[in-house]
Amino acid sequence: MSTSDDDRIAYLSGEPVDSLTPQERAELDEVRGLLTTPATWEEPDSALEDRIVSAIAEEARRGRPVESAPPAPAAPEAPKSGREPWLRRLFRRPAIAFGGLAAAAAAIAVAIVLAAGSSSQAPLQFAMVVSGTSLAPGAHGSATLTKMSSGWEIQLSATGLPHLSGGRYYQAWLKNPAGILVPVGTFNDAQRVILWSGAPVTQFRSFSVTEQLANGNPVSSGRRVLVGIAHPVH
């Protein structure tokens, strides 16, 4: 004898039902135990919604990319009878949607996801304003220095420097307090440049750009055209 959803609802309500199989009865006993747990029916904090909305707004303000969720596993094939699993149908019925309980559970789930996402530490980042020297008094710009798994990514954007060619180029450097220079990349135009440093910006915070000549001598020419000091972003 088949068991209808009405029979299962009746069993959950405490009425005796003879048509249940032992497996169905065990499953329903678990559901009934959940329904009798006081915590299931507790009203969430009235400020929960505001906190969730604020967290989402903060994520959007920061402009952090949202990772796409992995593809959902394929749903199991329906039984040959064509009936979908009874528990799925049961909780889709309005009579047992649990009203505010479902909304509260959804809000709590969102809060947990946001908390898990924010628990991962944001990348360490420094920033700086770069200014022209006496060799390039009209030059100015800015840069961000972000710690990545492969090193420090330096995004430089500056104007006021002429495009170099014909064996002449710009070389960017980082320097620590001891005066040790580390080359972080070469370029011809500073309007939009991505440089990389294997040395930690936390220790090498002085930034400079020099004019270089491709003459086989890799050391700094000393002809600095841009300078700046990296500061941590708070």
C-alpha atoms as a PDB file:
ATOM      1  CA  MET A   1       0.000   0.000   0.000  1.00  0.00           C
ATOM      2  CA  SER A   2       1.480   3.378  -1.035  1.00  0.00           C
ATOM      3  CA  THR A   3       1.847   6.240   1.395  1.00  0.00           C
ATOM      4  CA  SER A   4       0.464   9.643   0.458  1.00  0.00           C
ATOM      5  CA  ASP A   5       1.810  13.028   1.487  1.00  0.00           C
ATOM      6  CA  ASP A   6      -1.336  13.527   3.549  1.00  0.00           C
ATOM      7  CA  ASP A   7      -0.490  10.364   5.509  1.00  0.00           C
ATOM      8  CA  ARG A   8       2.987  11.688   6.206  1.00  0.00           C
ATOM      9  CA  ILE A   9       1.647  15.068   7.284  1.00  0.00           C
ATOM     10  CA  ALA A  10      -0.804  13.302   9.574  1.00  0.00           C
ATOM     11  CA  TYR A  11       2.052  11.300  11.111  1.00  0.00           C
ATOM     12  CA  LEU A  12       4.053  14.475  11.674  1.00  0.00           C
ATOM     13  CA  SER A  13       1.017  15.929  13.416  1.00  0.00           C
ATOM     14  CA  GLY A  14       0.983  13.001  15.836  1.00  0.00           C
ATOM     15  CA  GLU A  15      -1.829  10.959  14.320  1.00  0.00           C
ATOM     16  CA  PRO A  16      -1.436   7.173  14.014  1.00  0.00           C
ATOM     17  CA  VAL A  17      -0.754   6.084  10.431  1.00  0.00           C
ATOM     18  CA  ASP A  18      -0.482   2.419   9.452  1.00  0.00           C
ATOM     19  CA  SER A  19       0.582   2.844   5.845  1.00  0.00           C
ATOM     20  CA  LEU A  20       4.146   3.983   6.613  1.00  0.00           C
ATOM     21  CA  THR A  21       7.065   1.689   5.904  1.00  0.00           C
ATOM     22  CA  PRO A  22       9.756   1.374   8.578  1.00  0.00           C
ATOM     23  CA  GLN A  23      12.117   3.539   6.488  1.00  0.00           C
ATOM     24  CA  GLU A  24       9.490   6.246   6.008  1.00  0.00           C
ATOM     25  CA  ARG A  25       8.659   6.166   9.692  1.00  0.00           C
ATOM     26  CA  ALA A  26      12.348   6.587  10.625  1.00  0.00           C
ATOM     27  CA  GLU A  27      12.738   9.547   8.260  1.00  0.00           C
ATOM     28  CA  LEU A  28       9.618  11.207   9.595  1.00  0.00           C
ATOM     29  CA  ASP A  29      10.745  10.644  13.170  1.00  0.00           C
ATOM     30  CA  GLU A  30      13.882  12.652  12.372  1.00  0.00           C
ATOM     31  CA  VAL A  31      11.781  15.469  10.938  1.00  0.00           C
ATOM     32  CA  ARG A  32       9.434  15.369  13.904  1.00  0.00           C
ATOM     33  CA  GLY A  33      12.400  15.557  16.266  1.00  0.00           C
ATOM     34  CA  LEU A  34      13.608  18.665  14.459  1.00  0.00           C
ATOM     35  CA  LEU A  35      10.182  20.268  14.710  1.00  0.00           C
ATOM     36  CA  THR A  36      10.068  19.681  18.452  1.00  0.00           C
ATOM     37  CA  THR A  37      13.446  21.323  19.035  1.00  0.00           C
ATOM     38  CA  PRO A  38      12.869  24.784  20.608  1.00  0.00           C
ATOM     39  CA  ALA A  39      15.797  26.312  18.720  1.00  0.00           C
ATOM     40  CA  THR A  40      14.043  25.573  15.423  1.00  0.00           C
ATOM     41  CA  TRP A  41      11.292  28.050  16.239  1.00  0.00           C
ATOM     42  CA  GLU A  42      13.343  30.793  17.835  1.00  0.00           C
ATOM     43  CA  GLU A  43      12.906  34.188  16.186  1.00  0.00           C
ATOM     44  CA  PRO A  44      16.160  35.515  14.705  1.00  0.00           C
ATOM     45  CA  ASP A  45      17.707  38.730  15.972  1.00  0.00           C
ATOM     46  CA  SER A  46      15.705  41.656  14.586  1.00  0.00           C
ATOM     47  CA  ALA A  47      18.947  43.238  13.376  1.00  0.00           C
ATOM     48  CA  LEU A  48      20.021  40.152  11.413  1.00  0.00           C
ATOM     49  CA  GLU A  49      18.547  41.358   8.136  1.00  0.00           C
ATOM     50  CA  ASP A  50      20.244  44.747   8.455  1.00  0.00           C
ATOM     51  CA  ARG A  51      23.580  43.084   9.138  1.00  0.00           C
ATOM     52  CA  ILE A  52      23.234  40.813   6.120  1.00  0.00           C
ATOM     53  CA  VAL A  53      22.284  43.684   3.829  1.00  0.00           C
ATOM     54  CA  SER A  54      25.180  45.768   5.160  1.00  0.00           C
ATOM     55  CA  ALA A  55      27.616  42.928   4.576  1.00  0.00           C
ATOM     56  CA  ILE A  56      26.430  42.474   1.005  1.00  0.00           C
ATOM     57  CA  ALA A  57      26.651  46.212   0.374  1.00  0.00           C
ATOM     58  CA  GLU A  58      30.185  46.262   1.741  1.00  0.00           C
ATOM     59  CA  GLU A  59      31.196  43.425  -0.573  1.00  0.00           C
ATOM     60  CA  ALA A  60      29.721  45.290  -3.538  1.00  0.00           C
ATOM     61  CA  ARG A  61      31.452  48.535  -2.499  1.00  0.00           C
ATOM     62  CA  ARG A  62      34.809  46.835  -2.415  1.00  0.00           C
ATOM     63  CA  GLY A  63      34.123  45.445  -5.859  1.00  0.00           C
ATOM     64  CA  ARG A  64      35.480  42.037  -4.963  1.00  0.00           C
ATOM     65  CA  PRO A  65      34.817  39.453  -7.662  1.00  0.00           C
ATOM     66  CA  VAL A  66      32.215  36.855  -6.832  1.00  0.00           C
ATOM     67  CA  GLU A  67      33.400  33.373  -7.483  1.00  0.00           C
ATOM     68  CA  SER A  68      30.986  31.294  -9.405  1.00  0.00           C
ATOM     69  CA  ALA A  69      29.663  28.294  -7.598  1.00  0.00           C
ATOM     70  CA  PRO A  70      30.716  24.870  -8.892  1.00  0.00           C
ATOM     71  CA  PRO A  71      28.158  23.137 -11.098  1.00  0.00           C
ATOM     72  CA  ALA A  72      25.470  21.444  -9.098  1.00  0.00           C
ATOM     73  CA  PRO A  73      25.588  17.651  -9.205  1.00  0.00           C
ATOM     74  CA  ALA A  74      23.102  16.057 -11.520  1.00  0.00           C
ATOM     75  CA  ALA A  75      19.816  15.301  -9.839  1.00  0.00           C
ATOM     76  CA  PRO A  76      19.152  11.600  -9.272  1.00  0.00           C
ATOM     77  CA  GLU A  77      16.819   9.994 -11.748  1.00  0.00           C
ATOM     78  CA  ALA A  78      13.232   9.887 -10.658  1.00  0.00           C
ATOM     79  CA  PRO A  79      11.792   6.499  -9.720  1.00  0.00           C
ATOM     80  CA  LYS A  80      10.110   4.627 -12.523  1.00  0.00           C
ATOM     81  CA  SER A  81       6.773   5.577 -11.054  1.00  0.00           C
ATOM     82  CA  GLY A  82       7.550   9.177 -12.038  1.00  0.00           C
ATOM     83  CA  ARG A  83       7.077  10.454  -8.485  1.00  0.00           C
ATOM     84  CA  GLU A  84       9.711  12.779  -7.100  1.00  0.00           C
ATOM     85  CA  PRO A  85      11.115  12.105  -3.601  1.00  0.00           C
ATOM     86  CA  TRP A  86       8.328  12.617  -1.088  1.00  0.00           C
ATOM     87  CA  LEU A  87      10.342  14.797   1.280  1.00  0.00           C
ATOM     88  CA  ARG A  88      11.045  17.331  -1.478  1.00  0.00           C
ATOM     89  CA  ARG A  89       7.351  17.508  -2.320  1.00  0.00           C
ATOM     90  CA  LEU A  90       6.447  17.671   1.329  1.00  0.00           C
ATOM     91  CA  PHE A  91       8.508  20.772   2.068  1.00  0.00           C
ATOM     92  CA  ARG A  92       7.329  22.495  -1.105  1.00  0.00           C
ATOM     93  CA  ARG A  93       3.756  22.458   0.124  1.00  0.00           C
ATOM     94  CA  PRO A  94       2.599  25.790   1.534  1.00  0.00           C
ATOM     95  CA  ALA A  95       0.918  24.120   4.485  1.00  0.00           C
ATOM     96  CA  ILE A  96       4.304  23.154   5.925  1.00  0.00           C
ATOM     97  CA  ALA A  97       6.636  25.828   4.585  1.00  0.00           C
ATOM     98  CA  PHE A  98       7.200  26.886   8.227  1.00  0.00           C
ATOM     99  CA  GLY A  99       6.660  30.549   7.342  1.00  0.00           C
ATOM    100  CA  GLY A 100       9.209  32.720   9.096  1.00  0.00           C
ATOM    101  CA  LEU A 101      11.353  29.696   9.910  1.00  0.00           C
ATOM    102  CA  ALA A 102      12.263  29.241   6.255  1.00  0.00           C
ATOM    103  CA  ALA A 103      13.105  32.935   5.858  1.00  0.00           C
ATOM    104  CA  ALA A 104      15.178  32.957   9.014  1.00  0.00           C
ATOM    105  CA  ALA A 105      17.052  29.829   7.929  1.00  0.00           C
ATOM    106  CA  ALA A 106      17.794  31.394   4.555  1.00  0.00           C
ATOM    107  CA  ALA A 107      19.059  34.584   6.186  1.00  0.00           C
ATOM    108  CA  ILE A 108      21.288  32.613   8.543  1.00  0.00           C
ATOM    109  CA  ALA A 109      22.660  30.619   5.600  1.00  0.00           C
ATOM    110  CA  VAL A 110      23.531  33.839   3.767  1.00  0.00           C
ATOM    111  CA  ALA A 111      25.214  35.205   6.886  1.00  0.00           C
ATOM    112  CA  ILE A 112      27.302  32.026   7.218  1.00  0.00           C
ATOM    113  CA  VAL A 113      28.388  32.204   3.577  1.00  0.00           C
ATOM    114  CA  LEU A 114      29.362  35.863   3.927  1.00  0.00           C
ATOM    115  CA  ALA A 115      31.247  35.176   7.130  1.00  0.00           C
ATOM    116  CA  ALA A 116      33.115  32.296   5.501  1.00  0.00           C
ATOM    117  CA  GLY A 117      34.005  34.491   2.525  1.00  0.00           C
ATOM    118  CA  SER A 118      35.225  37.362   4.668  1.00  0.00           C
ATOM    119  CA  SER A 119      37.278  35.034   6.884  1.00  0.00           C
ATOM    120  CA  SER A 120      39.813  34.608   4.082  1.00  0.00           C
ATOM    121  CA  GLN A 121      42.418  37.321   4.532  1.00  0.00           C
ATOM    122  CA  ALA A 122      42.435  40.091   1.920  1.00  0.00           C
ATOM    123  CA  PRO A 123      45.674  40.452  -0.062  1.00  0.00           C
ATOM    124  CA  LEU A 124      48.307  42.645   1.578  1.00  0.00           C
ATOM    125  CA  GLN A 125      48.478  45.896  -0.367  1.00  0.00           C
ATOM    126  CA  PHE A 126      50.556  49.063  -0.391  1.00  0.00           C
ATOM    127  CA  ALA A 127      49.996  52.275  -2.348  1.00  0.00           C
ATOM    128  CA  MET A 128      51.986  55.371  -3.201  1.00  0.00           C
ATOM    129  CA  VAL A 129      52.069  58.658  -5.040  1.00  0.00           C
ATOM    130  CA  VAL A 130      54.987  59.055  -7.438  1.00  0.00           C
ATOM    131  CA  SER A 131      56.490  62.422  -8.292  1.00  0.00           C
ATOM    132  CA  GLY A 132      58.893  63.629 -10.944  1.00  0.00           C
ATOM    133  CA  THR A 133      62.453  64.633 -10.106  1.00  0.00           C
ATOM    134  CA  SER A 134      64.410  67.566 -11.500  1.00  0.00           C
ATOM    135  CA  LEU A 135      64.944  65.478 -14.646  1.00  0.00           C
ATOM    136  CA  ALA A 136      61.166  65.229 -15.155  1.00  0.00           C
ATOM    137  CA  PRO A 137      59.498  67.959 -13.060  1.00  0.00           C
ATOM    138  CA  GLY A 138      56.122  67.569 -14.771  1.00  0.00           C
ATOM    139  CA  ALA A 139      55.852  63.822 -14.134  1.00  0.00           C
ATOM    140  CA  HIS A 140      53.416  62.488 -11.544  1.00  0.00           C
ATOM    141  CA  GLY A 141      51.203  59.470 -10.910  1.00  0.00           C
ATOM    142  CA  SER A 142      50.393  56.676  -8.494  1.00  0.00           C
ATOM    143  CA  ALA A 143      50.930  52.978  -7.956  1.00  0.00           C
ATOM    144  CA  THR A 144      49.473  50.057  -6.033  1.00  0.00           C
ATOM    145  CA  LEU A 145      51.596  47.164  -4.824  1.00  0.00           C
ATOM    146  CA  THR A 146      49.704  43.952  -4.095  1.00  0.00           C
ATOM    147  CA  LYS A 147      51.112  40.745  -2.608  1.00  0.00           C
ATOM    148  CA  MET A 148      50.321  37.776  -4.853  1.00  0.00           C
ATOM    149  CA  SER A 149      51.327  34.132  -4.652  1.00  0.00           C
ATOM    150  CA  SER A 150      54.042  34.681  -7.283  1.00  0.00           C
ATOM    151  CA  GLY A 151      55.378  37.940  -5.842  1.00  0.00           C
ATOM    152  CA  TRP A 152      54.326  41.589  -5.602  1.00  0.00           C
ATOM    153  CA  GLU A 153      52.308  43.008  -8.479  1.00  0.00           C
ATOM    154  CA  ILE A 154      53.004  46.710  -9.013  1.00  0.00           C
ATOM    155  CA  GLN A 155      50.507  48.674 -11.099  1.00  0.00           C
ATOM    156  CA  LEU A 156      52.016  51.994 -12.081  1.00  0.00           C
ATOM    157  CA  SER A 157      50.251  54.836 -13.870  1.00  0.00           C
ATOM    158  CA  ALA A 158      52.129  58.069 -14.498  1.00  0.00           C
ATOM    159  CA  THR A 159      52.101  60.963 -16.945  1.00  0.00           C
ATOM    160  CA  GLY A 160      54.699  63.527 -17.930  1.00  0.00           C
ATOM    161  CA  LEU A 161      57.375  61.073 -19.049  1.00  0.00           C
ATOM    162  CA  PRO A 162      58.264  60.885 -22.742  1.00  0.00           C
ATOM    163  CA  HIS A 163      58.099  57.588 -24.599  1.00  0.00           C
ATOM    164  CA  LEU A 164      61.589  56.110 -24.834  1.00  0.00           C
ATOM    165  CA  SER A 165      62.895  54.066 -27.756  1.00  0.00           C
ATOM    166  CA  GLY A 166      66.061  53.479 -29.775  1.00  0.00           C
ATOM    167  CA  GLY A 167      67.816  51.519 -27.039  1.00  0.00           C
ATOM    168  CA  ARG A 168      66.597  53.821 -24.249  1.00  0.00           C
ATOM    169  CA  TYR A 169      64.092  52.565 -21.695  1.00  0.00           C
ATOM    170  CA  TYR A 170      62.833  53.061 -18.151  1.00  0.00           C
ATOM    171  CA  GLN A 171      63.820  50.769 -15.301  1.00  0.00           C
ATOM    172  CA  ALA A 172      61.834  50.576 -12.048  1.00  0.00           C
ATOM    173  CA  TRP A 173      63.501  49.794  -8.729  1.00  0.00           C
ATOM    174  CA  LEU A 174      62.667  49.105  -5.098  1.00  0.00           C
ATOM    175  CA  LYS A 175      65.112  49.914  -2.335  1.00  0.00           C
ATOM    176  CA  ASN A 176      65.315  48.929   1.332  1.00  0.00           C
ATOM    177  CA  PRO A 177      66.679  51.092   4.193  1.00  0.00           C
ATOM    178  CA  ALA A 178      70.123  49.568   3.692  1.00  0.00           C
ATOM    179  CA  GLY A 179      70.238  51.007   0.175  1.00  0.00           C
ATOM    180  CA  ILE A 180      69.952  47.671  -1.648  1.00  0.00           C
ATOM    181  CA  LEU A 181      68.281  48.110  -5.038  1.00  0.00           C
ATOM    182  CA  VAL A 182      66.049  45.449  -6.590  1.00  0.00           C
ATOM    183  CA  PRO A 183      65.005  45.798 -10.261  1.00  0.00           C
ATOM    184  CA  VAL A 184      61.266  45.252 -10.762  1.00  0.00           C
ATOM    185  CA  GLY A 185      60.835  45.750 -14.503  1.00  0.00           C
ATOM    186  CA  THR A 186      61.506  47.792 -17.623  1.00  0.00           C
ATOM    187  CA  PHE A 187      59.167  49.728 -19.901  1.00  0.00           C
ATOM    188  CA  ASN A 188      58.996  52.458 -22.546  1.00  0.00           C
ATOM    189  CA  ASP A 189      55.897  54.395 -21.463  1.00  0.00           C
ATOM    190  CA  ALA A 190      54.630  54.872 -17.907  1.00  0.00           C
ATOM    191  CA  GLN A 191      50.961  55.566 -18.570  1.00  0.00           C
ATOM    192  CA  ARG A 192      49.927  52.025 -17.688  1.00  0.00           C
ATOM    193  CA  VAL A 193      52.548  49.546 -16.517  1.00  0.00           C
ATOM    194  CA  ILE A 194      52.480  46.286 -14.570  1.00  0.00           C
ATOM    195  CA  LEU A 195      55.728  45.456 -12.790  1.00  0.00           C
ATOM    196  CA  TRP A 196      56.690  42.541 -10.540  1.00  0.00           C
ATOM    197  CA  SER A 197      58.908  42.299  -7.494  1.00  0.00           C
ATOM    198  CA  GLY A 198      60.226  39.155  -5.882  1.00  0.00           C
ATOM    199  CA  ALA A 199      61.480  41.220  -2.946  1.00  0.00           C
ATOM    200  CA  PRO A 200      58.936  42.010  -0.209  1.00  0.00           C
ATOM    201  CA  VAL A 201      57.489  45.510  -0.393  1.00  0.00           C
ATOM    202  CA  THR A 202      57.181  45.408   3.393  1.00  0.00           C
ATOM    203  CA  GLN A 203      60.985  45.778   3.449  1.00  0.00           C
ATOM    204  CA  PHE A 204      61.636  47.464   0.087  1.00  0.00           C
ATOM    205  CA  ARG A 205      59.356  50.481   0.195  1.00  0.00           C
ATOM    206  CA  SER A 206      61.345  53.137  -1.689  1.00  0.00           C
ATOM    207  CA  PHE A 207      60.380  53.210  -5.370  1.00  0.00           C
ATOM    208  CA  SER A 208      62.193  54.889  -8.241  1.00  0.00           C
ATOM    209  CA  VAL A 209      62.329  54.890 -12.019  1.00  0.00           C
ATOM    210  CA  THR A 210      65.517  55.584 -13.922  1.00  0.00           C
ATOM    211  CA  GLU A 211      66.352  56.251 -17.559  1.00  0.00           C
ATOM    212  CA  GLN A 212      68.540  53.444 -18.878  1.00  0.00           C
ATOM    213  CA  LEU A 213      70.509  52.700 -22.014  1.00  0.00           C
ATOM    214  CA  ALA A 214      70.701  49.171 -23.415  1.00  0.00           C
ATOM    215  CA  ASN A 215      74.494  49.067 -23.360  1.00  0.00           C
ATOM    216  CA  GLY A 216      75.077  45.822 -21.519  1.00  0.00           C
ATOM    217  CA  ASN A 217      75.408  47.459 -18.110  1.00  0.00           C
ATOM    218  CA  PRO A 218      72.414  46.395 -15.924  1.00  0.00           C
ATOM    219  CA  VAL A 219      73.176  48.631 -12.929  1.00  0.00           C
ATOM    220  CA  SER A 220      71.190  51.766 -12.229  1.00  0.00           C
ATOM    221  CA  SER A 221      72.174  54.775 -14.278  1.00  0.00           C
ATOM    222  CA  GLY A 222      71.310  57.046 -11.383  1.00  0.00           C
ATOM    223  CA  ARG A 223      69.169  59.200 -13.696  1.00  0.00           C
ATOM    224  CA  ARG A 224      66.013  59.032 -11.607  1.00  0.00           C
ATOM    225  CA  VAL A 225      62.847  60.508 -13.140  1.00  0.00           C
ATOM    226  CA  LEU A 226      60.167  59.198 -10.706  1.00  0.00           C
ATOM    227  CA  VAL A 227      60.270  58.525  -6.976  1.00  0.00           C
ATOM    228  CA  GLY A 228      57.797  57.441  -4.324  1.00  0.00           C
ATOM    229  CA  ILE A 229      57.408  55.727  -0.960  1.00  0.00           C
ATOM    230  CA  ALA A 230      54.988  52.798  -0.546  1.00  0.00           C
ATOM    231  CA  HIS A 231      52.592  52.905   2.398  1.00  0.00           C
ATOM    232  CA  PRO A 232      50.306  50.109   3.641  1.00  0.00           C
ATOM    233  CA  VAL A 233      46.666  50.383   2.686  1.00  0.00           C
ATOM    234  CA  HIS A 234      44.327  50.349   5.719  1.00  0.00           C
END
